Every structure is written in C-alpha cells, then in structure tokens.
Amino acid sequence: MPKSIYDRGLLKPAQVATLQRVFDEACRSREAHPESAEAREIALTVLALHNAGMVDEEMLMETVCFRRPKSKTA
C-alpha cells in the first residue's frame, strides 16, 4: 500500500496553520515585515524547530517570539 503524503514528511494542514500562527506572531512581536530578510530567518527557525521535534505551539511561540534578534551593531 502506498504511503500517504503525510507519512512522507509533508505537513498536515493543522501543522501548517500552527506554523503560520507562530510566524505571524513572531513577525508582529519583532516588527518584521513578512517579506523581509528577518522574516525569512524567522520562518527558517520555526521550520527547523518543528522538524527537530518541537511541535507544541506554545513552546514554539515562546522560543521564536522571545528569542532576541542579532544585534545590528557590532
């Protein structure tokens, strides 16, 4: 029997919705435009954390939204 698309590593609609909420909140809290380079970094971070097993929405929110962006002054 062929595997379902979800068994092959694709995200279920509920997972996509969770990741979108986390991304939107992180962009809002950091005042990052959703099309900006910072937003792309946020998206990559959210996906990496999720792929590493952090699937709880609250935990993702806390980790991503409260993570301090890198200082632009060095």
PDB file of N, CA and C in Angstrom:
ATOM      1  N   MET A   1       0.845  -1.174   0.000  1.00  0.00           N
ATOM      2  CA  MET A   1       0.000   0.000   0.000  1.00  0.00           C
ATOM      3  C   MET A   1       0.898   1.247   0.000  1.00  0.00           C
ATOM      4  N   PRO A   2       0.603   2.214  -0.883  1.00  0.00           N
ATOM      5  CA  PRO A   2       1.417   3.432  -0.916  1.00  0.00           C
ATOM      6  C   PRO A   2       1.253   4.248   0.367  1.00  0.00           C
ATOM      7  N   LYS A   3       2.333   4.923   0.737  1.00  0.00           N
ATOM      8  CA  LYS A   3       2.276   5.778   1.919  1.00  0.00           C
ATOM      9  C   LYS A   3       1.475   7.024   1.604  1.00  0.00           C
ATOM     10  N   SER A   4       0.806   7.562   2.621  1.00  0.00           N
ATOM     11  CA  SER A   4       0.085   8.824   2.431  1.00  0.00           C
ATOM     12  C   SER A   4       1.108   9.944   2.317  1.00  0.00           C
ATOM     13  N   ILE A   5       0.672  11.075   1.805  1.00  0.00           N
ATOM     14  CA  ILE A   5       1.597  12.205   1.677  1.00  0.00           C
ATOM     15  C   ILE A   5       2.121  12.647   3.027  1.00  0.00           C
ATOM     16  N   TYR A   6       1.347  12.448   4.087  1.00  0.00           N
ATOM     17  CA  TYR A   6       1.780  12.864   5.418  1.00  0.00           C
ATOM     18  C   TYR A   6       2.839  11.933   5.982  1.00  0.00           C
ATOM     19  N   ASP A   7       2.816  10.678   5.575  1.00  0.00           N
ATOM     20  CA  ASP A   7       3.829   9.726   6.017  1.00  0.00           C
ATOM     21  C   ASP A   7       5.168   9.969   5.333  1.00  0.00           C
ATOM     22  N   ARG A   8       5.167  10.772   4.283  1.00  0.00           N
ATOM     23  CA  ARG A   8       6.403  11.057   3.554  1.00  0.00           C
ATOM     24  C   ARG A   8       7.035  12.364   4.005  1.00  0.00           C
ATOM     25  N   GLY A   9       6.611  12.884   5.144  1.00  0.00           N
ATOM     26  CA  GLY A   9       7.268  14.058   5.703  1.00  0.00           C
ATOM     27  C   GLY A   9       6.597  15.379   5.389  1.00  0.00           C
ATOM     28  N   LEU A  10       5.466  15.356   4.695  1.00  0.00           N
ATOM     29  CA  LEU A  10       4.777  16.596   4.403  1.00  0.00           C
ATOM     30  C   LEU A  10       3.932  17.014   5.598  1.00  0.00           C
ATOM     31  N   LEU A  11       3.735  18.308   5.724  1.00  0.00           N
ATOM     32  CA  LEU A  11       2.975  18.839   6.856  1.00  0.00           C
ATOM     33  C   LEU A  11       1.478  18.702   6.631  1.00  0.00           C
ATOM     34  N   LYS A  12       0.787  18.390   7.708  1.00  0.00           N
ATOM     35  CA  LYS A  12      -0.673  18.341   7.669  1.00  0.00           C
ATOM     36  C   LYS A  12      -1.199  19.771   7.745  1.00  0.00           C
ATOM     37  N   PRO A  13      -2.427  20.006   7.266  1.00  0.00           N
ATOM     38  CA  PRO A  13      -2.988  21.359   7.299  1.00  0.00           C
ATOM     39  C   PRO A  13      -2.974  21.988   8.697  1.00  0.00           C
ATOM     40  N   ALA A  14      -3.239  21.225   9.730  1.00  0.00           N
ATOM     41  CA  ALA A  14      -3.230  21.772  11.092  1.00  0.00           C
ATOM     42  C   ALA A  14      -1.820  22.202  11.494  1.00  0.00           C
ATOM     43  N   GLN A  15      -0.811  21.464  11.044  1.00  0.00           N
ATOM     44  CA  GLN A  15       0.573  21.835  11.347  1.00  0.00           C
ATOM     45  C   GLN A  15       0.957  23.120  10.616  1.00  0.00           C
ATOM     46  N   VAL A  16       0.531  23.241   9.374  1.00  0.00           N
ATOM     47  CA  VAL A  16       0.804  24.456   8.608  1.00  0.00           C
ATOM     48  C   VAL A  16       0.157  25.648   9.297  1.00  0.00           C
ATOM     49  N   ALA A  17      -1.082  25.477   9.762  1.00  0.00           N
ATOM     50  CA  ALA A  17      -1.787  26.563  10.449  1.00  0.00           C
ATOM     51  C   ALA A  17      -1.046  26.970  11.720  1.00  0.00           C
ATOM     52  N   THR A  18      -0.547  26.003  12.468  1.00  0.00           N
ATOM     53  CA  THR A  18       0.219  26.289  13.682  1.00  0.00           C
ATOM     54  C   THR A  18       1.480  27.070  13.345  1.00  0.00           C
ATOM     55  N   LEU A  19       2.222  26.606  12.361  1.00  0.00           N
ATOM     56  CA  LEU A  19       3.461  27.280  11.977  1.00  0.00           C
ATOM     57  C   LEU A  19       3.186  28.692  11.473  1.00  0.00           C
ATOM     58  N   GLN A  20       2.067  28.880  10.766  1.00  0.00           N
ATOM     59  CA  GLN A  20       1.709  30.208  10.273  1.00  0.00           C
ATOM     60  C   GLN A  20       1.405  31.148  11.435  1.00  0.00           C
ATOM     61  N   ARG A  21       0.674  30.649  12.442  1.00  0.00           N
ATOM     62  CA  ARG A  21       0.364  31.488  13.617  1.00  0.00           C
ATOM     63  C   ARG A  21       1.639  31.896  14.342  1.00  0.00           C
ATOM     64  N   VAL A  22       2.549  30.955  14.502  1.00  0.00           N
ATOM     65  CA  VAL A  22       3.821  31.252  15.180  1.00  0.00           C
ATOM     66  C   VAL A  22       4.611  32.274  14.367  1.00  0.00           C
ATOM     67  N   PHE A  23       4.699  32.066  13.067  1.00  0.00           N
ATOM     68  CA  PHE A  23       5.408  33.002  12.188  1.00  0.00           C
ATOM     69  C   PHE A  23       4.792  34.392  12.266  1.00  0.00           C
ATOM     70  N   ASP A  24       3.473  34.481  12.155  1.00  0.00           N
ATOM     71  CA  ASP A  24       2.793  35.780  12.191  1.00  0.00           C
ATOM     72  C   ASP A  24       3.050  36.506  13.506  1.00  0.00           C
ATOM     73  N   GLU A  25       2.964  35.791  14.611  1.00  0.00           N
ATOM     74  CA  GLU A  25       3.173  36.404  15.922  1.00  0.00           C
ATOM     75  C   GLU A  25       4.621  36.843  16.096  1.00  0.00           C
ATOM     76  N   ALA A  26       5.561  36.023  15.630  1.00  0.00           N
ATOM     77  CA  ALA A  26       6.973  36.386  15.742  1.00  0.00           C
ATOM     78  C   ALA A  26       7.268  37.636  14.918  1.00  0.00           C
ATOM     79  N   CYS A  27       6.719  37.705  13.723  1.00  0.00           N
ATOM     80  CA  CYS A  27       6.913  38.905  12.890  1.00  0.00           C
ATOM     81  C   CYS A  27       6.305  40.129  13.571  1.00  0.00           C
ATOM     82  N   ARG A  28       5.111  39.967  14.133  1.00  0.00           N
ATOM     83  CA  ARG A  28       4.452  41.084  14.809  1.00  0.00           C
ATOM     84  C   ARG A  28       5.261  41.539  16.015  1.00  0.00           C
ATOM     85  N   SER A  29       5.711  40.595  16.825  1.00  0.00           N
ATOM     86  CA  SER A  29       6.429  40.967  18.048  1.00  0.00           C
ATOM     87  C   SER A  29       7.791  41.583  17.749  1.00  0.00           C
ATOM     88  N   ARG A  30       8.393  41.219  16.633  1.00  0.00           N
ATOM     89  CA  ARG A  30       9.702  41.777  16.260  1.00  0.00           C
ATOM     90  C   ARG A  30       9.576  42.940  15.279  1.00  0.00           C
ATOM     91  N   GLU A  31       8.328  43.260  14.931  1.00  0.00           N
ATOM     92  CA  GLU A  31       8.060  44.330  13.969  1.00  0.00           C
ATOM     93  C   GLU A  31       8.804  44.074  12.658  1.00  0.00           C
ATOM     94  N   ALA A  32       8.741  42.827  12.195  1.00  0.00           N
ATOM     95  CA  ALA A  32       9.395  42.424  10.939  1.00  0.00           C
ATOM     96  C   ALA A  32       8.334  42.285   9.858  1.00  0.00           C
ATOM     97  N   HIS A  33       8.558  42.920   8.731  1.00  0.00           N
ATOM     98  CA  HIS A  33       7.646  42.774   7.600  1.00  0.00           C
ATOM     99  C   HIS A  33       7.723  41.324   7.112  1.00  0.00           C
ATOM    100  N   PRO A  34       6.575  40.691   6.828  1.00  0.00           N
ATOM    101  CA  PRO A  34       6.576  39.274   6.435  1.00  0.00           C
ATOM    102  C   PRO A  34       7.418  38.929   5.206  1.00  0.00           C
ATOM    103  N   GLU A  35       7.758  39.916   4.395  1.00  0.00           N
ATOM    104  CA  GLU A  35       8.571  39.656   3.205  1.00  0.00           C
ATOM    105  C   GLU A  35      10.048  40.032   3.412  1.00  0.00           C
ATOM    106  N   SER A  36      10.411  40.395   4.625  1.00  0.00           N
ATOM    107  CA  SER A  36      11.776  40.867   4.890  1.00  0.00           C
ATOM    108  C   SER A  36      12.752  39.701   5.099  1.00  0.00           C
ATOM    109  N   ALA A  37      14.020  40.040   5.080  1.00  0.00           N
ATOM    110  CA  ALA A  37      15.068  39.047   5.355  1.00  0.00           C
ATOM    111  C   ALA A  37      14.922  38.498   6.774  1.00  0.00           C
ATOM    112  N   GLU A  38      14.569  39.367   7.706  1.00  0.00           N
ATOM    113  CA  GLU A  38      14.374  38.911   9.092  1.00  0.00           C
ATOM    114  C   GLU A  38      13.236  37.902   9.172  1.00  0.00           C
ATOM    115  N   ALA A  39      12.162  38.145   8.436  1.00  0.00           N
ATOM    116  CA  ALA A  39      11.025  37.220   8.426  1.00  0.00           C
ATOM    117  C   ALA A  39      11.422  35.872   7.829  1.00  0.00           C
ATOM    118  N   ARG A  40      12.274  35.892   6.807  1.00  0.00           N
ATOM    119  CA  ARG A  40      12.753  34.631   6.240  1.00  0.00           C
ATOM    120  C   ARG A  40      13.542  33.846   7.280  1.00  0.00           C
ATOM    121  N   GLU A  41      14.347  34.541   8.074  1.00  0.00           N
ATOM    122  CA  GLU A  41      15.096  33.881   9.148  1.00  0.00           C
ATOM    123  C   GLU A  41      14.142  33.309  10.201  1.00  0.00           C
ATOM    124  N   ILE A  42      13.089  34.054  10.509  1.00  0.00           N
ATOM    125  CA  ILE A  42      12.076  33.568  11.455  1.00  0.00           C
ATOM    126  C   ILE A  42      11.437  32.293  10.907  1.00  0.00           C
ATOM    127  N   ALA A  43      11.055  32.317   9.636  1.00  0.00           N
ATOM    128  CA  ALA A  43      10.409  31.149   9.020  1.00  0.00           C
ATOM    129  C   ALA A  43      11.336  29.936   9.054  1.00  0.00           C
ATOM    130  N   LEU A  44      12.603  30.138   8.714  1.00  0.00           N
ATOM    131  CA  LEU A  44      13.556  29.033   8.738  1.00  0.00           C
ATOM    132  C   LEU A  44      13.741  28.486  10.149  1.00  0.00           C
ATOM    133  N   THR A  45      13.756  29.374  11.126  1.00  0.00           N
ATOM    134  CA  THR A  45      13.894  28.948  12.518  1.00  0.00           C
ATOM    135  C   THR A  45      12.685  28.136  12.958  1.00  0.00           C
ATOM    136  N   VAL A  46      11.486  28.623  12.632  1.00  0.00           N
ATOM    137  CA  VAL A  46      10.251  27.918  13.009  1.00  0.00           C
ATOM    138  C   VAL A  46      10.245  26.522  12.385  1.00  0.00           C
ATOM    139  N   LEU A  47      10.562  26.439  11.104  1.00  0.00           N
ATOM    140  CA  LEU A  47      10.580  25.137  10.432  1.00  0.00           C
ATOM    141  C   LEU A  47      11.648  24.214  11.010  1.00  0.00           C
ATOM    142  N   ALA A  48      12.815  24.749  11.285  1.00  0.00           N
ATOM    143  CA  ALA A  48      13.892  23.927  11.853  1.00  0.00           C
ATOM    144  C   ALA A  48      13.503  23.379  13.221  1.00  0.00           C
ATOM    145  N   LEU A  49      12.928  24.225  14.046  1.00  0.00           N
ATOM    146  CA  LEU A  49      12.496  23.763  15.368  1.00  0.00           C
ATOM    147  C   LEU A  49      11.420  22.692  15.248  1.00  0.00           C
ATOM    148  N   HIS A  50      10.467  22.922  14.352  1.00  0.00           N
ATOM    149  CA  HIS A  50       9.389  21.941  14.147  1.00  0.00           C
ATOM    150  C   HIS A  50       9.964  20.621  13.644  1.00  0.00           C
ATOM    151  N   ASN A  51      10.857  20.686  12.673  1.00  0.00           N
ATOM    152  CA  ASN A  51      11.456  19.467  12.126  1.00  0.00           C
ATOM    153  C   ASN A  51      12.311  18.736  13.150  1.00  0.00           C
ATOM    154  N   ALA A  52      12.820  19.477  14.139  1.00  0.00           N
ATOM    155  CA  ALA A  52      13.621  18.867  15.197  1.00  0.00           C
ATOM    156  C   ALA A  52      12.751  18.246  16.288  1.00  0.00           C
ATOM    157  N   GLY A  53      11.431  18.421  16.160  1.00  0.00           N
ATOM    158  CA  GLY A  53      10.528  17.784  17.107  1.00  0.00           C
ATOM    159  C   GLY A  53       9.760  18.719  18.013  1.00  0.00           C
ATOM    160  N   MET A  54      10.021  20.015  17.934  1.00  0.00           N
ATOM    161  CA  MET A  54       9.291  20.963  18.765  1.00  0.00           C
ATOM    162  C   MET A  54       7.966  21.279  18.059  1.00  0.00           C
ATOM    163  N   VAL A  55       6.930  20.549  18.402  1.00  0.00           N
ATOM    164  CA  VAL A  55       5.655  20.693  17.698  1.00  0.00           C
ATOM    165  C   VAL A  55       4.586  21.408  18.529  1.00  0.00           C
ATOM    166  N   ASP A  56       4.859  21.631  19.804  1.00  0.00           N
ATOM    167  CA  ASP A  56       3.904  22.320  20.662  1.00  0.00           C
ATOM    168  C   ASP A  56       3.881  23.808  20.305  1.00  0.00           C
ATOM    169  N   GLU A  57       2.680  24.322  20.001  1.00  0.00           N
ATOM    170  CA  GLU A  57       2.563  25.714  19.562  1.00  0.00           C
ATOM    171  C   GLU A  57       3.054  26.702  20.614  1.00  0.00           C
ATOM    172  N   GLU A  58       2.700  26.484  21.862  1.00  0.00           N
ATOM    173  CA  GLU A  58       3.144  27.402  22.923  1.00  0.00           C
ATOM    174  C   GLU A  58       4.666  27.423  23.037  1.00  0.00           C
ATOM    175  N   MET A  59       5.269  26.258  22.959  1.00  0.00           N
ATOM    176  CA  MET A  59       6.721  26.179  23.080  1.00  0.00           C
ATOM    177  C   MET A  59       7.397  26.870  21.880  1.00  0.00           C
ATOM    178  N   LEU A  60       6.856  26.641  20.688  1.00  0.00           N
ATOM    179  CA  LEU A  60       7.387  27.324  19.505  1.00  0.00           C
ATOM    180  C   LEU A  60       7.258  28.831  19.661  1.00  0.00           C
ATOM    181  N   MET A  61       6.078  29.288  20.117  1.00  0.00           N
ATOM    182  CA  MET A  61       5.837  30.722  20.299  1.00  0.00           C
ATOM    183  C   MET A  61       6.857  31.314  21.258  1.00  0.00           C
ATOM    184  N   GLU A  62       7.026  30.668  22.394  1.00  0.00           N
ATOM    185  CA  GLU A  62       7.961  31.183  23.394  1.00  0.00           C
ATOM    186  C   GLU A  62       9.383  31.216  22.855  1.00  0.00           C
ATOM    187  N   THR A  63       9.771  30.172  22.179  1.00  0.00           N
ATOM    188  CA  THR A  63      11.139  30.086  21.674  1.00  0.00           C
ATOM    189  C   THR A  63      11.406  31.111  20.586  1.00  0.00           C
ATOM    190  N   VAL A  64      10.504  31.233  19.643  1.00  0.00           N
ATOM    191  CA  VAL A  64      10.732  32.106  18.492  1.00  0.00           C
ATOM    192  C   VAL A  64      10.421  33.561  18.809  1.00  0.00           C
ATOM    193  N   CYS A  65       9.350  33.810  19.526  1.00  0.00           N
ATOM    194  CA  CYS A  65       8.944  35.196  19.775  1.00  0.00           C
ATOM    195  C   CYS A  65       9.826  35.888  20.801  1.00  0.00           C
ATOM    196  N   PHE A  66      10.393  35.124  21.713  1.00  0.00           N
ATOM    197  CA  PHE A  66      11.193  35.755  22.753  1.00  0.00           C
ATOM    198  C   PHE A  66      12.684  35.661  22.473  1.00  0.00           C
ATOM    199  N   ARG A  67      13.040  35.023  21.389  1.00  0.00           N
ATOM    200  CA  ARG A  67      14.450  34.952  21.009  1.00  0.00           C
ATOM    201  C   ARG A  67      14.870  36.318  20.501  1.00  0.00           C
ATOM    202  N   ARG A  68      15.906  36.843  21.052  1.00  0.00           N
ATOM    203  CA  ARG A  68      16.370  38.183  20.670  1.00  0.00           C
ATOM    204  C   ARG A  68      17.019  38.143  19.300  1.00  0.00           C
ATOM    205  N   PRO A  69      16.633  39.058  18.426  1.00  0.00           N
ATOM    206  CA  PRO A  69      17.327  39.122  17.131  1.00  0.00           C
ATOM    207  C   PRO A  69      18.777  39.539  17.333  1.00  0.00           C
ATOM    208  N   LYS A  70      19.632  39.169  16.401  1.00  0.00           N
ATOM    209  CA  LYS A  70      21.036  39.545  16.471  1.00  0.00           C
ATOM    210  C   LYS A  70      21.163  41.050  16.422  1.00  0.00           C
ATOM    211  N   SER A  71      22.080  41.555  17.230  1.00  0.00           N
ATOM    212  CA  SER A  71      22.323  42.993  17.255  1.00  0.00           C
ATOM    213  C   SER A  71      22.904  43.430  15.928  1.00  0.00           C
ATOM    214  N   LYS A  72      22.401  44.548  15.413  1.00  0.00           N
ATOM    215  CA  LYS A  72      22.892  45.062  14.127  1.00  0.00           C
ATOM    216  C   LYS A  72      24.127  45.922  14.290  1.00  0.00           C
ATOM    217  N   THR A  73      24.471  46.213  15.540  1.00  0.00           N
ATOM    218  CA  THR A  73      25.696  46.979  15.801  1.00  0.00           C
ATOM    219  C   THR A  73      26.733  46.002  16.344  1.00  0.00           C
ATOM    220  N   ALA A  74      27.883  46.007  15.760  1.00  0.00           N
ATOM    221  CA  ALA A  74      28.916  45.077  16.221  1.00  0.00           C
ATOM    222  C   ALA A  74      30.104  45.802  16.755  1.00  0.00           C
TER     223      ALA A  74
END
